[in-house]
């Protein structure tokens, strides 16, 4: 049983975890509901977190910062043996897996940025040829008429 007093394996309250991680209590509760974080309950039904939850929260926040969806973060955490907290080696493996998707998103954003000038020039008055709404005029030959038919 985890020690809830001042022992070496003292667990953190939700307030302590929030303060030390810089993450709001409501976000910690959200992470728990989404299966990203686990707590234990005291006899008074108060949440207590193992100290390694700090590293887990840091992993979640960094992953979110680089644009990884919560579902993928959860899958990554679930892939770890016995639900352990990610190590430096785990981060290297998981982040290399995410790098390809990140590179693809960066390329798409650069393409979007480069096409933005043309969009400003047309003022979206020409949805048939707009490089943002209709890249490479992929909808031009469908015969569905002009105007907005699809928004990504």
C-alpha atoms as a PDB file:
ATOM      1  CA  UNK A   1       0.000   0.000   0.000  1.00  0.00           C
ATOM      2  CA  UNK A   2       1.441   3.421  -0.919  1.00  0.00           C
ATOM      3  CA  UNK A   3       2.398   5.649   1.952  1.00  0.00           C
ATOM      4  CA  UNK A   4       0.175   8.662   2.293  1.00  0.00           C
ATOM      5  CA  UNK A   5       2.328  10.229   5.019  1.00  0.00           C
ATOM      6  CA  UNK A   6       5.781  11.780   4.777  1.00  0.00           C
ATOM      7  CA  UNK A   7       7.539   8.504   3.885  1.00  0.00           C
ATOM      8  CA  UNK A   8      10.044   7.984   1.078  1.00  0.00           C
ATOM      9  CA  UNK A   9       7.287   6.821  -1.262  1.00  0.00           C
ATOM     10  CA  UNK A  10       4.832   9.549  -0.341  1.00  0.00           C
ATOM     11  CA  UNK A  11       2.224  10.095  -2.981  1.00  0.00           C
ATOM     12  CA  UNK A  12       1.221  13.480  -4.378  1.00  0.00           C
ATOM     13  CA  UNK A  13      -2.138  15.134  -3.975  1.00  0.00           C
ATOM     14  CA  UNK A  14      -3.773  16.502  -7.094  1.00  0.00           C
ATOM     15  CA  UNK A  15      -2.871  20.024  -5.922  1.00  0.00           C
ATOM     16  CA  UNK A  16       0.778  19.078  -5.450  1.00  0.00           C
ATOM     17  CA  UNK A  17       0.919  17.426  -8.855  1.00  0.00           C
ATOM     18  CA  UNK A  18      -0.687  20.497 -10.432  1.00  0.00           C
ATOM     19  CA  UNK A  19       1.733  22.875  -8.719  1.00  0.00           C
ATOM     20  CA  UNK A  20       4.847  20.865  -9.510  1.00  0.00           C
ATOM     21  CA  UNK A  21       3.880  20.098 -13.122  1.00  0.00           C
ATOM     22  CA  UNK A  22       2.428  23.515 -13.963  1.00  0.00           C
ATOM     23  CA  UNK A  23      -0.761  21.844 -15.193  1.00  0.00           C
ATOM     24  CA  UNK A  24      -4.204  22.853 -13.927  1.00  0.00           C
ATOM     25  CA  UNK A  25      -6.076  20.446 -11.659  1.00  0.00           C
ATOM     26  CA  UNK A  26      -8.888  20.328 -14.227  1.00  0.00           C
ATOM     27  CA  UNK A  27      -6.389  19.210 -16.900  1.00  0.00           C
ATOM     28  CA  UNK A  28      -5.092  16.449 -14.613  1.00  0.00           C
ATOM     29  CA  UNK A  29      -8.660  15.238 -14.086  1.00  0.00           C
ATOM     30  CA  UNK A  30      -9.187  15.373 -17.864  1.00  0.00           C
ATOM     31  CA  UNK A  31      -6.014  13.322 -18.469  1.00  0.00           C
ATOM     32  CA  UNK A  32      -7.273  10.792 -15.972  1.00  0.00           C
ATOM     33  CA  UNK A  33     -10.682  10.537 -17.668  1.00  0.00           C
ATOM     34  CA  UNK A  34      -8.894  10.016 -21.006  1.00  0.00           C
ATOM     35  CA  UNK A  35      -6.773   7.179 -19.585  1.00  0.00           C
ATOM     36  CA  UNK A  36      -3.474   9.092 -19.743  1.00  0.00           C
ATOM     37  CA  UNK A  37      -2.924   9.319 -16.012  1.00  0.00           C
ATOM     38  CA  UNK A  38      -3.925   7.124 -13.073  1.00  0.00           C
ATOM     39  CA  UNK A  39      -4.531   7.915  -9.450  1.00  0.00           C
ATOM     40  CA  UNK A  40      -5.306   5.926  -6.384  1.00  0.00           C
ATOM     41  CA  UNK A  41      -7.972   6.902  -3.870  1.00  0.00           C
ATOM     42  CA  UNK A  42      -7.563   7.367  -0.160  1.00  0.00           C
ATOM     43  CA  UNK A  43     -10.148   6.099   2.312  1.00  0.00           C
ATOM     44  CA  UNK A  44     -11.613   9.631   2.094  1.00  0.00           C
ATOM     45  CA  UNK A  45     -11.879   9.256  -1.723  1.00  0.00           C
ATOM     46  CA  UNK A  46      -9.142  11.816  -2.439  1.00  0.00           C
ATOM     47  CA  UNK A  47      -6.885  11.321  -5.432  1.00  0.00           C
ATOM     48  CA  UNK A  48      -3.241  10.445  -4.874  1.00  0.00           C
ATOM     49  CA  UNK A  49      -0.633  10.144  -7.610  1.00  0.00           C
ATOM     50  CA  UNK A  50       2.648   8.277  -7.638  1.00  0.00           C
ATOM     51  CA  UNK A  51       5.648  10.563  -7.944  1.00  0.00           C
ATOM     52  CA  UNK A  52       6.387   9.277 -11.455  1.00  0.00           C
ATOM     53  CA  UNK A  53       3.157  10.964 -12.552  1.00  0.00           C
ATOM     54  CA  UNK A  54       5.264  14.128 -12.861  1.00  0.00           C
ATOM     55  CA  UNK A  55       7.263  12.559 -15.680  1.00  0.00           C
ATOM     56  CA  UNK A  56       4.103  11.176 -17.282  1.00  0.00           C
ATOM     57  CA  UNK A  57       2.484  14.628 -17.252  1.00  0.00           C
ATOM     58  CA  UNK A  58       5.651  16.139 -18.746  1.00  0.00           C
ATOM     59  CA  UNK A  59       5.554  13.478 -21.487  1.00  0.00           C
ATOM     60  CA  UNK A  60       1.901  14.297 -22.227  1.00  0.00           C
ATOM     61  CA  UNK A  61       2.526  18.055 -22.342  1.00  0.00           C
ATOM     62  CA  UNK A  62       5.577  17.834 -24.604  1.00  0.00           C
ATOM     63  CA  UNK A  63       3.754  15.425 -26.910  1.00  0.00           C
ATOM     64  CA  UNK A  64       0.800  17.809 -27.096  1.00  0.00           C
ATOM     65  CA  UNK A  65       3.104  20.764 -27.729  1.00  0.00           C
ATOM     66  CA  UNK A  66       4.454  19.105 -30.880  1.00  0.00           C
ATOM     67  CA  UNK A  67       0.917  18.375 -32.026  1.00  0.00           C
ATOM     68  CA  UNK A  68       0.428  14.719 -31.146  1.00  0.00           C
ATOM     69  CA  UNK A  69      -3.279  13.968 -30.587  1.00  0.00           C
ATOM     70  CA  UNK A  70      -4.280  12.663 -27.152  1.00  0.00           C
ATOM     71  CA  UNK A  71      -5.428   9.345 -28.635  1.00  0.00           C
ATOM     72  CA  UNK A  72      -1.914   8.731 -29.997  1.00  0.00           C
ATOM     73  CA  UNK A  73      -0.345   9.781 -26.704  1.00  0.00           C
ATOM     74  CA  UNK A  74      -2.593   7.325 -24.864  1.00  0.00           C
ATOM     75  CA  UNK A  75      -1.698   4.537 -27.313  1.00  0.00           C
ATOM     76  CA  UNK A  76       1.999   5.291 -26.812  1.00  0.00           C
ATOM     77  CA  UNK A  77       1.650   5.171 -23.035  1.00  0.00           C
ATOM     78  CA  UNK A  78      -0.359   1.954 -23.245  1.00  0.00           C
ATOM     79  CA  UNK A  79       2.428   0.387 -25.322  1.00  0.00           C
ATOM     80  CA  UNK A  80       4.812   0.622 -22.390  1.00  0.00           C
ATOM     81  CA  UNK A  81       5.226  -2.506 -20.258  1.00  0.00           C
ATOM     82  CA  UNK A  82       3.063  -2.599 -17.127  1.00  0.00           C
ATOM     83  CA  UNK A  83       1.930   0.993 -17.660  1.00  0.00           C
ATOM     84  CA  UNK A  84       5.272   2.356 -16.539  1.00  0.00           C
ATOM     85  CA  UNK A  85       6.308   5.947 -17.004  1.00  0.00           C
ATOM     86  CA  UNK A  86       8.240   6.681 -20.226  1.00  0.00           C
ATOM     87  CA  UNK A  87      12.014   6.703 -20.021  1.00  0.00           C
ATOM     88  CA  UNK A  88      14.458   8.677 -22.149  1.00  0.00           C
ATOM     89  CA  UNK A  89      14.821   5.625 -24.403  1.00  0.00           C
ATOM     90  CA  UNK A  90      11.006   5.360 -24.735  1.00  0.00           C
ATOM     91  CA  UNK A  91      10.831   9.029 -25.748  1.00  0.00           C
ATOM     92  CA  UNK A  92      13.505   8.502 -28.405  1.00  0.00           C
ATOM     93  CA  UNK A  93      11.607   5.526 -29.859  1.00  0.00           C
ATOM     94  CA  UNK A  94       8.168   7.133 -29.746  1.00  0.00           C
ATOM     95  CA  UNK A  95       9.295  10.515 -31.008  1.00  0.00           C
ATOM     96  CA  UNK A  96      11.082   8.939 -33.975  1.00  0.00           C
ATOM     97  CA  UNK A  97       7.779   7.239 -34.840  1.00  0.00           C
ATOM     98  CA  UNK A  98       5.980  10.597 -34.654  1.00  0.00           C
ATOM     99  CA  UNK A  99       8.654  12.434 -36.635  1.00  0.00           C
ATOM    100  CA  UNK A 100       7.316  11.282 -40.027  1.00  0.00           C
ATOM    101  CA  UNK A 101       3.807  12.511 -39.269  1.00  0.00           C
ATOM    102  CA  UNK A 102       5.224  15.775 -37.950  1.00  0.00           C
ATOM    103  CA  UNK A 103       7.326  16.245 -41.101  1.00  0.00           C
ATOM    104  CA  UNK A 104       4.221  15.683 -43.244  1.00  0.00           C
ATOM    105  CA  UNK A 105       2.267  18.282 -41.274  1.00  0.00           C
ATOM    106  CA  UNK A 106       5.132  20.770 -41.542  1.00  0.00           C
ATOM    107  CA  UNK A 107       5.261  20.262 -45.311  1.00  0.00           C
ATOM    108  CA  UNK A 108       1.476  20.746 -45.541  1.00  0.00           C
ATOM    109  CA  UNK A 109       1.677  23.951 -43.495  1.00  0.00           C
ATOM    110  CA  UNK A 110       4.529  25.270 -45.643  1.00  0.00           C
ATOM    111  CA  UNK A 111       2.481  24.529 -48.754  1.00  0.00           C
ATOM    112  CA  UNK A 112      -0.496  26.284 -47.180  1.00  0.00           C
ATOM    113  CA  UNK A 113       1.668  29.298 -46.275  1.00  0.00           C
ATOM    114  CA  UNK A 114       3.051  29.494 -49.813  1.00  0.00           C
ATOM    115  CA  UNK A 115      -0.439  29.325 -51.324  1.00  0.00           C
ATOM    116  CA  UNK A 116      -1.776  31.983 -48.955  1.00  0.00           C
ATOM    117  CA  UNK A 117      -0.522  34.842 -51.128  1.00  0.00           C
ATOM    118  CA  UNK A 118      -2.523  33.545 -54.088  1.00  0.00           C
ATOM    119  CA  UNK A 119      -5.588  33.222 -51.883  1.00  0.00           C
ATOM    120  CA  UNK A 120      -5.312  36.789 -50.674  1.00  0.00           C
ATOM    121  CA  UNK A 121      -5.020  37.866 -54.292  1.00  0.00           C
ATOM    122  CA  UNK A 122      -8.237  36.128 -55.304  1.00  0.00           C
ATOM    123  CA  UNK A 123     -10.128  37.181 -52.190  1.00  0.00           C
ATOM    124  CA  UNK A 124     -11.915  33.831 -52.412  1.00  0.00           C
ATOM    125  CA  UNK A 125     -13.959  35.191 -55.284  1.00  0.00           C
ATOM    126  CA  UNK A 126     -12.764  32.348 -57.454  1.00  0.00           C
ATOM    127  CA  UNK A 127     -13.340  29.130 -55.543  1.00  0.00           C
ATOM    128  CA  UNK A 128     -12.893  27.225 -58.783  1.00  0.00           C
ATOM    129  CA  UNK A 129      -9.210  28.140 -58.936  1.00  0.00           C
ATOM    130  CA  UNK A 130      -8.431  28.888 -55.281  1.00  0.00           C
ATOM    131  CA  UNK A 131      -5.219  27.065 -54.390  1.00  0.00           C
ATOM    132  CA  UNK A 132      -6.305  26.617 -50.786  1.00  0.00           C
ATOM    133  CA  UNK A 133      -9.908  25.474 -51.259  1.00  0.00           C
ATOM    134  CA  UNK A 134      -9.335  23.565 -54.479  1.00  0.00           C
ATOM    135  CA  UNK A 135      -5.652  22.548 -54.664  1.00  0.00           C
ATOM    136  CA  UNK A 136      -4.470  21.778 -58.181  1.00  0.00           C
ATOM    137  CA  UNK A 137      -8.089  22.280 -59.350  1.00  0.00           C
ATOM    138  CA  UNK A 138      -8.937  18.721 -58.264  1.00  0.00           C
ATOM    139  CA  UNK A 139     -12.641  19.552 -58.212  1.00  0.00           C
ATOM    140  CA  UNK A 140     -12.658  21.435 -61.520  1.00  0.00           C
ATOM    141  CA  UNK A 141     -13.611  18.451 -63.646  1.00  0.00           C
ATOM    142  CA  UNK A 142     -16.354  17.018 -61.430  1.00  0.00           C
ATOM    143  CA  UNK A 143     -19.187  18.928 -63.090  1.00  0.00           C
ATOM    144  CA  UNK A 144     -20.713  19.839 -59.731  1.00  0.00           C
ATOM    145  CA  UNK A 145     -20.770  23.543 -60.545  1.00  0.00           C
ATOM    146  CA  UNK A 146     -18.818  26.281 -58.852  1.00  0.00           C
ATOM    147  CA  UNK A 147     -18.735  27.430 -55.269  1.00  0.00           C
ATOM    148  CA  UNK A 148     -17.751  25.848 -51.985  1.00  0.00           C
ATOM    149  CA  UNK A 149     -18.489  22.134 -51.996  1.00  0.00           C
ATOM    150  CA  UNK A 150     -15.855  20.802 -49.639  1.00  0.00           C
ATOM    151  CA  UNK A 151     -13.969  22.237 -46.685  1.00  0.00           C
ATOM    152  CA  UNK A 152     -11.068  20.212 -45.262  1.00  0.00           C
END
